Amino acid sequence: MRRKVKAVGIDTPSIDYGQSTTYAVHRRLFASNVPAFENVAQLEKLPVTGAFVIALPMKIGGGSGGPLRIVALLP
């Protein structure tokens, strides 16, 4: 089965490895309009399918990212 990824969440500080200088994962995802949520706790508690995630970013003028208030609605 093929699915289109709509977002990526990870429990570490970055979707790229720590010593990255090219940020290849960031560039690849964002070029495909796929947002990444970093430092997210308890992702393992979400079901593989069926959860609805609401991620509300803080508005930062001219910024490329910012802190989120993130919740999940479970089936």
C-alpha atoms as a PDB file:
ATOM      1  CA  MET A   1       0.000   0.000   0.000  1.00  0.00           C
ATOM      2  CA  ARG A   2       1.310   3.462  -0.870  1.00  0.00           C
ATOM      3  CA  ARG A   3       0.278   6.464   1.175  1.00  0.00           C
ATOM      4  CA  LYS A   4       1.070  10.147   0.867  1.00  0.00           C
ATOM      5  CA  VAL A   5       2.835  11.398   3.980  1.00  0.00           C
ATOM      6  CA  LYS A   6       1.075  14.513   5.275  1.00  0.00           C
ATOM      7  CA  ALA A   7       3.436  15.330   8.172  1.00  0.00           C
ATOM      8  CA  VAL A   8       6.403  13.866  10.046  1.00  0.00           C
ATOM      9  CA  GLY A   9       6.757  13.855  13.828  1.00  0.00           C
ATOM     10  CA  ILE A  10       9.885  12.949  15.760  1.00  0.00           C
ATOM     11  CA  ASP A  11      10.851  12.936  19.433  1.00  0.00           C
ATOM     12  CA  THR A  12      14.370  14.282  18.859  1.00  0.00           C
ATOM     13  CA  PRO A  13      15.520  17.907  18.406  1.00  0.00           C
ATOM     14  CA  SER A  14      15.890  17.606  14.620  1.00  0.00           C
ATOM     15  CA  ILE A  15      14.715  15.477  11.711  1.00  0.00           C
ATOM     16  CA  ASP A  16      18.310  15.627  10.424  1.00  0.00           C
ATOM     17  CA  TYR A  17      21.190  13.988  12.248  1.00  0.00           C
ATOM     18  CA  GLY A  18      23.037  16.146  14.783  1.00  0.00           C
ATOM     19  CA  GLN A  19      26.110  17.014  12.732  1.00  0.00           C
ATOM     20  CA  SER A  20      24.212  17.790   9.533  1.00  0.00           C
ATOM     21  CA  THR A  21      25.268  20.879   7.610  1.00  0.00           C
ATOM     22  CA  THR A  22      23.146  20.219   4.522  1.00  0.00           C
ATOM     23  CA  TYR A  23      19.775  19.587   6.259  1.00  0.00           C
ATOM     24  CA  ALA A  24      18.840  17.135   3.510  1.00  0.00           C
ATOM     25  CA  VAL A  25      15.765  15.765   5.313  1.00  0.00           C
ATOM     26  CA  HIS A  26      14.413  19.253   6.019  1.00  0.00           C
ATOM     27  CA  ARG A  27      14.926  20.274   2.396  1.00  0.00           C
ATOM     28  CA  ARG A  28      13.385  17.086   0.976  1.00  0.00           C
ATOM     29  CA  LEU A  29      10.264  17.221   3.150  1.00  0.00           C
ATOM     30  CA  PHE A  30       9.686  20.944   2.836  1.00  0.00           C
ATOM     31  CA  ALA A  31      10.145  20.833  -0.959  1.00  0.00           C
ATOM     32  CA  SER A  32       7.233  18.377  -0.941  1.00  0.00           C
ATOM     33  CA  ASN A  33       5.201  20.646   1.385  1.00  0.00           C
ATOM     34  CA  VAL A  34       5.416  18.127   4.252  1.00  0.00           C
ATOM     35  CA  PRO A  35       5.767  19.787   7.678  1.00  0.00           C
ATOM     36  CA  ALA A  36       7.999  18.296  10.367  1.00  0.00           C
ATOM     37  CA  PHE A  37       7.218  18.407  14.086  1.00  0.00           C
ATOM     38  CA  GLU A  38      10.324  18.029  16.255  1.00  0.00           C
ATOM     39  CA  ASN A  39      10.664  17.309  20.006  1.00  0.00           C
ATOM     40  CA  VAL A  40       7.182  15.758  20.156  1.00  0.00           C
ATOM     41  CA  ALA A  41       6.558  13.589  23.220  1.00  0.00           C
ATOM     42  CA  GLN A  42       4.616  10.318  23.357  1.00  0.00           C
ATOM     43  CA  LEU A  43       4.277   9.727  19.610  1.00  0.00           C
ATOM     44  CA  GLU A  44       4.376   5.988  20.306  1.00  0.00           C
ATOM     45  CA  LYS A  45       0.933   6.280  21.895  1.00  0.00           C
ATOM     46  CA  LEU A  46      -0.674   7.284  18.588  1.00  0.00           C
ATOM     47  CA  PRO A  47      -2.252   4.562  16.449  1.00  0.00           C
ATOM     48  CA  VAL A  48      -0.572   3.836  13.114  1.00  0.00           C
ATOM     49  CA  THR A  49      -3.665   5.172  11.325  1.00  0.00           C
ATOM     50  CA  GLY A  50      -6.763   7.096  12.291  1.00  0.00           C
ATOM     51  CA  ALA A  51      -5.400   9.832  14.552  1.00  0.00           C
ATOM     52  CA  PHE A  52      -6.074  13.453  13.651  1.00  0.00           C
ATOM     53  CA  VAL A  53      -3.234  15.785  14.690  1.00  0.00           C
ATOM     54  CA  ILE A  54      -3.756  19.483  15.285  1.00  0.00           C
ATOM     55  CA  ALA A  55      -0.531  21.484  15.378  1.00  0.00           C
ATOM     56  CA  LEU A  56      -0.847  25.191  16.130  1.00  0.00           C
ATOM     57  CA  PRO A  57       2.423  27.077  15.539  1.00  0.00           C
ATOM     58  CA  MET A  58       3.368  30.285  17.290  1.00  0.00           C
ATOM     59  CA  LYS A  59       3.481  33.151  14.786  1.00  0.00           C
ATOM     60  CA  ILE A  60       7.022  34.448  14.459  1.00  0.00           C
ATOM     61  CA  GLY A  61       7.504  37.242  11.933  1.00  0.00           C
ATOM     62  CA  GLY A  62       9.990  36.241   9.243  1.00  0.00           C
ATOM     63  CA  GLY A  63      10.704  32.903  10.945  1.00  0.00           C
ATOM     64  CA  SER A  64      10.908  29.527   9.243  1.00  0.00           C
ATOM     65  CA  GLY A  65       9.629  27.622  12.267  1.00  0.00           C
ATOM     66  CA  GLY A  66       8.512  27.965  15.827  1.00  0.00           C
ATOM     67  CA  PRO A  67       7.110  26.234  18.902  1.00  0.00           C
ATOM     68  CA  LEU A  68       3.884  24.243  18.514  1.00  0.00           C
ATOM     69  CA  ARG A  69       0.912  23.525  20.668  1.00  0.00           C
ATOM     70  CA  ILE A  70       0.101  20.044  19.402  1.00  0.00           C
ATOM     71  CA  VAL A  71      -2.772  17.694  20.244  1.00  0.00           C
ATOM     72  CA  ALA A  72      -4.159  14.503  18.704  1.00  0.00           C
ATOM     73  CA  LEU A  73      -7.753  13.387  18.387  1.00  0.00           C
ATOM     74  CA  LEU A  74      -7.974   9.606  18.584  1.00  0.00           C
ATOM     75  CA  PRO A  75     -10.547   7.398  16.860  1.00  0.00           C
END
